[in-house]
Structures are given as C-alpha cells and as structure tokens.
Amino acid sequence: MTKTTTPQAKQGVIATIIESLTKATKTKPITKDQILAKLVKQFPDRSPDAMKTTINCQVPRRLQNDKELKVLQNDNGYWIAK
C-alpha cells in the first residue's frame, strides 16, 4: 500500500517539528516540550513517548545534518535561522 499526498493530507510529525521551529525566533524560541504539546494535539492517535523520542532524535543535529537546516539554540529553546 502506498501513501498518496493530497492537499487535504495531514503533514507528518517531522514536518510539524520543522514548521514549529521555523515559526520560532531568537527572541521567542520554542522548547522541545512545547513542540511535543503541539504534536500531541495534532496527532492524538500517536504515542506521546514515541513523538518525544522523535523530537530528541531530530532536534537539532539530525535536522542540521539530514535536512541541512540551520537550527540554533539558546537557554530558552530552539529556532531555525532565516
């Protein structure tokens, strides 16, 4: 069975993480817990523990290495440099 993408299709967990980081800024970064809260709300059928693991695996190193995104961090959270 293959996935088909339609305009109405939900975006995935990693795309939601990237979107959250893109909306964040240096003056208003987002924490991993805030990302998790968004994911739990958007994907109620998925395990919060599994999504937390995904966040910890992706942010920041994997997004930097695999997706070549410039994920920055300070004491308050993360954001993607524009």
N, C-alpha and C. Protein backbone atom coordinates (compact mmCIF):
# COMPACT_ATOMS: atom_id res chain seq x y z
N MET A 1 0.84 -1.17 0.00
CA MET A 1 0.00 0.00 0.00
C MET A 1 0.89 1.24 0.00
N THR A 2 0.61 2.20 -0.86
CA THR A 2 1.40 3.40 -0.92
C THR A 2 0.62 4.58 -0.38
N LYS A 3 1.37 5.54 0.12
CA LYS A 3 0.73 6.77 0.61
C LYS A 3 0.53 7.70 -0.56
N THR A 4 -0.60 8.35 -0.59
CA THR A 4 -0.82 9.38 -1.59
C THR A 4 -0.91 10.71 -0.86
N THR A 5 -0.38 11.72 -1.50
CA THR A 5 -0.41 13.03 -0.88
C THR A 5 -1.43 13.88 -1.60
N THR A 6 -2.34 14.39 -0.82
CA THR A 6 -3.36 15.28 -1.37
C THR A 6 -3.29 16.59 -0.61
N PRO A 7 -3.87 17.65 -1.15
CA PRO A 7 -3.84 18.92 -0.42
C PRO A 7 -4.47 18.82 0.97
N GLN A 8 -5.39 17.89 1.17
CA GLN A 8 -6.04 17.75 2.47
C GLN A 8 -5.25 16.85 3.42
N ALA A 9 -4.21 16.19 2.93
CA ALA A 9 -3.46 15.25 3.75
C ALA A 9 -2.77 15.97 4.90
N LYS A 10 -2.76 15.32 6.06
CA LYS A 10 -2.06 15.87 7.21
C LYS A 10 -0.57 15.84 6.96
N GLN A 11 0.11 16.83 7.47
CA GLN A 11 1.56 16.77 7.38
C GLN A 11 2.07 15.85 8.47
N GLY A 12 3.27 15.37 8.31
CA GLY A 12 3.82 14.42 9.24
C GLY A 12 4.43 15.06 10.48
N VAL A 13 4.89 14.21 11.37
CA VAL A 13 5.46 14.65 12.63
C VAL A 13 6.71 15.50 12.40
N ILE A 14 7.62 15.04 11.55
CA ILE A 14 8.85 15.79 11.32
C ILE A 14 8.55 17.12 10.63
N ALA A 15 7.63 17.12 9.69
CA ALA A 15 7.24 18.38 9.04
C ALA A 15 6.65 19.36 10.05
N THR A 16 5.91 18.86 11.01
CA THR A 16 5.33 19.71 12.06
C THR A 16 6.43 20.26 12.97
N ILE A 17 7.42 19.44 13.26
CA ILE A 17 8.56 19.91 14.06
C ILE A 17 9.27 21.04 13.32
N ILE A 18 9.53 20.85 12.03
CA ILE A 18 10.21 21.87 11.23
C ILE A 18 9.38 23.14 11.17
N GLU A 19 8.08 22.99 10.98
CA GLU A 19 7.20 24.16 10.93
C GLU A 19 7.24 24.94 12.25
N SER A 20 7.22 24.22 13.36
CA SER A 20 7.27 24.86 14.68
C SER A 20 8.58 25.62 14.87
N LEU A 21 9.68 25.02 14.45
CA LEU A 21 10.98 25.66 14.58
C LEU A 21 11.11 26.86 13.64
N THR A 22 10.48 26.78 12.48
CA THR A 22 10.52 27.88 11.52
C THR A 22 9.76 29.09 12.05
N LYS A 23 8.67 28.85 12.75
CA LYS A 23 7.87 29.94 13.32
C LYS A 23 8.54 30.57 14.54
N ALA A 24 9.43 29.84 15.17
CA ALA A 24 10.13 30.35 16.35
C ALA A 24 11.22 31.34 15.91
N THR A 25 11.62 32.19 16.82
CA THR A 25 12.68 33.17 16.55
C THR A 25 13.67 33.17 17.69
N LYS A 26 14.76 33.93 17.50
CA LYS A 26 15.77 34.02 18.55
C LYS A 26 15.17 34.64 19.81
N THR A 27 14.29 35.61 19.64
CA THR A 27 13.70 36.26 20.80
C THR A 27 12.52 35.47 21.37
N LYS A 28 11.98 34.55 20.56
CA LYS A 28 10.88 33.71 21.02
C LYS A 28 11.09 32.28 20.52
N PRO A 29 12.10 31.60 21.10
CA PRO A 29 12.37 30.22 20.68
C PRO A 29 11.31 29.26 21.21
N ILE A 30 11.35 28.03 20.73
CA ILE A 30 10.40 27.00 21.17
C ILE A 30 11.19 25.87 21.84
N THR A 31 10.64 25.35 22.91
CA THR A 31 11.29 24.25 23.63
C THR A 31 10.82 22.91 23.06
N LYS A 32 11.54 21.87 23.39
CA LYS A 32 11.13 20.53 22.97
C LYS A 32 9.78 20.16 23.59
N ASP A 33 9.53 20.58 24.82
CA ASP A 33 8.23 20.30 25.46
C ASP A 33 7.09 21.02 24.74
N GLN A 34 7.33 22.24 24.28
CA GLN A 34 6.30 22.96 23.53
C GLN A 34 6.03 22.29 22.18
N ILE A 35 7.09 21.79 21.54
CA ILE A 35 6.91 21.06 20.29
C ILE A 35 6.08 19.81 20.55
N LEU A 36 6.41 19.09 21.62
CA LEU A 36 5.67 17.87 21.97
C LEU A 36 4.19 18.18 22.20
N ALA A 37 3.90 19.28 22.89
CA ALA A 37 2.50 19.64 23.14
C ALA A 37 1.75 19.86 21.82
N LYS A 38 2.40 20.49 20.86
CA LYS A 38 1.77 20.70 19.55
C LYS A 38 1.53 19.36 18.84
N LEU A 39 2.52 18.48 18.92
CA LEU A 39 2.40 17.18 18.26
C LEU A 39 1.29 16.34 18.89
N VAL A 40 1.20 16.34 20.21
CA VAL A 40 0.16 15.57 20.90
C VAL A 40 -1.22 16.08 20.48
N LYS A 41 -1.35 17.39 20.35
CA LYS A 41 -2.62 17.98 19.93
C LYS A 41 -2.95 17.63 18.48
N GLN A 42 -1.93 17.68 17.61
CA GLN A 42 -2.16 17.44 16.19
C GLN A 42 -2.28 15.95 15.86
N PHE A 43 -1.60 15.10 16.62
CA PHE A 43 -1.60 13.66 16.36
C PHE A 43 -2.05 12.90 17.60
N PRO A 44 -3.31 13.02 17.99
CA PRO A 44 -3.78 12.37 19.22
C PRO A 44 -3.73 10.85 19.18
N ASP A 45 -3.67 10.28 17.98
CA ASP A 45 -3.64 8.83 17.83
C ASP A 45 -2.24 8.24 18.00
N ARG A 46 -1.23 9.09 18.09
CA ARG A 46 0.15 8.61 18.20
C ARG A 46 0.64 8.68 19.65
N SER A 47 1.60 7.85 19.96
CA SER A 47 2.16 7.78 21.31
C SER A 47 2.99 9.03 21.62
N PRO A 48 2.67 9.73 22.71
CA PRO A 48 3.48 10.89 23.10
C PRO A 48 4.95 10.52 23.35
N ASP A 49 5.18 9.34 23.93
CA ASP A 49 6.56 8.91 24.19
C ASP A 49 7.33 8.72 22.89
N ALA A 50 6.67 8.15 21.88
CA ALA A 50 7.33 7.95 20.59
C ALA A 50 7.62 9.29 19.92
N MET A 51 6.69 10.23 20.03
CA MET A 51 6.91 11.56 19.43
C MET A 51 8.02 12.31 20.18
N LYS A 52 8.11 12.12 21.49
CA LYS A 52 9.19 12.75 22.26
C LYS A 52 10.54 12.20 21.81
N THR A 53 10.60 10.91 21.57
CA THR A 53 11.82 10.29 21.06
C THR A 53 12.18 10.88 19.70
N THR A 54 11.19 11.05 18.84
CA THR A 54 11.42 11.64 17.52
C THR A 54 11.98 13.06 17.65
N ILE A 55 11.40 13.85 18.53
CA ILE A 55 11.90 15.22 18.75
C ILE A 55 13.35 15.18 19.20
N ASN A 56 13.64 14.34 20.18
CA ASN A 56 15.01 14.26 20.70
C ASN A 56 16.01 13.78 19.66
N CYS A 57 15.57 12.94 18.74
CA CYS A 57 16.45 12.46 17.67
C CYS A 57 16.65 13.52 16.59
N GLN A 58 15.62 14.29 16.31
CA GLN A 58 15.66 15.25 15.20
C GLN A 58 16.26 16.60 15.56
N VAL A 59 15.97 17.07 16.76
CA VAL A 59 16.35 18.44 17.14
C VAL A 59 17.58 18.40 18.03
N PRO A 60 18.64 19.08 17.70
CA PRO A 60 18.88 19.85 16.48
C PRO A 60 19.71 19.13 15.43
N ARG A 61 20.47 18.12 15.84
CA ARG A 61 21.51 17.54 14.96
C ARG A 61 20.99 16.91 13.67
N ARG A 62 19.99 16.08 13.76
CA ARG A 62 19.54 15.38 12.55
C ARG A 62 18.94 16.35 11.53
N LEU A 63 18.22 17.35 12.00
CA LEU A 63 17.68 18.35 11.08
C LEU A 63 18.81 19.13 10.42
N GLN A 64 19.88 19.37 11.18
CA GLN A 64 21.03 20.07 10.61
C GLN A 64 21.75 19.20 9.60
N ASN A 65 21.96 17.94 9.93
CA ASN A 65 22.75 17.06 9.07
C ASN A 65 21.95 16.54 7.88
N ASP A 66 20.75 16.04 8.11
CA ASP A 66 19.97 15.41 7.05
C ASP A 66 19.20 16.41 6.19
N LYS A 67 18.61 17.40 6.84
CA LYS A 67 17.76 18.37 6.12
C LYS A 67 18.51 19.66 5.80
N GLU A 68 19.75 19.77 6.31
CA GLU A 68 20.59 20.94 6.10
C GLU A 68 19.91 22.24 6.54
N LEU A 69 19.21 22.16 7.67
CA LEU A 69 18.57 23.33 8.26
C LEU A 69 19.49 23.90 9.33
N LYS A 70 19.49 25.21 9.46
CA LYS A 70 20.33 25.86 10.46
C LYS A 70 19.51 26.03 11.74
N VAL A 71 19.53 24.99 12.58
CA VAL A 71 18.80 25.01 13.85
C VAL A 71 19.71 25.61 14.91
N LEU A 72 19.24 26.71 15.49
CA LEU A 72 20.01 27.40 16.52
C LEU A 72 19.35 27.18 17.88
N GLN A 73 20.13 27.41 18.93
CA GLN A 73 19.66 27.12 20.29
C GLN A 73 20.22 28.15 21.25
N ASN A 74 19.40 28.50 22.25
CA ASN A 74 19.89 29.26 23.38
C ASN A 74 19.30 28.62 24.64
N ASP A 75 19.41 29.27 25.77
CA ASP A 75 18.92 28.68 27.03
C ASP A 75 17.41 28.51 27.05
N ASN A 76 16.70 29.22 26.17
CA ASN A 76 15.23 29.18 26.17
C ASN A 76 14.61 28.25 25.15
N GLY A 77 15.39 27.73 24.21
CA GLY A 77 14.82 26.83 23.22
C GLY A 77 15.55 26.86 21.89
N TYR A 78 14.81 26.49 20.84
CA TYR A 78 15.36 26.30 19.50
C TYR A 78 14.58 27.13 18.48
N TRP A 79 15.25 27.38 17.35
CA TRP A 79 14.58 28.01 16.21
C TRP A 79 15.44 27.74 14.97
N ILE A 80 14.84 27.94 13.80
CA ILE A 80 15.57 27.79 12.54
C ILE A 80 15.91 29.20 12.05
N ALA A 81 17.19 29.40 11.77
CA ALA A 81 17.65 30.71 11.28
C ALA A 81 17.06 30.95 9.90
N LYS A 82 16.64 32.16 9.69
CA LYS A 82 16.03 32.52 8.40
C LYS A 82 17.05 33.08 7.47
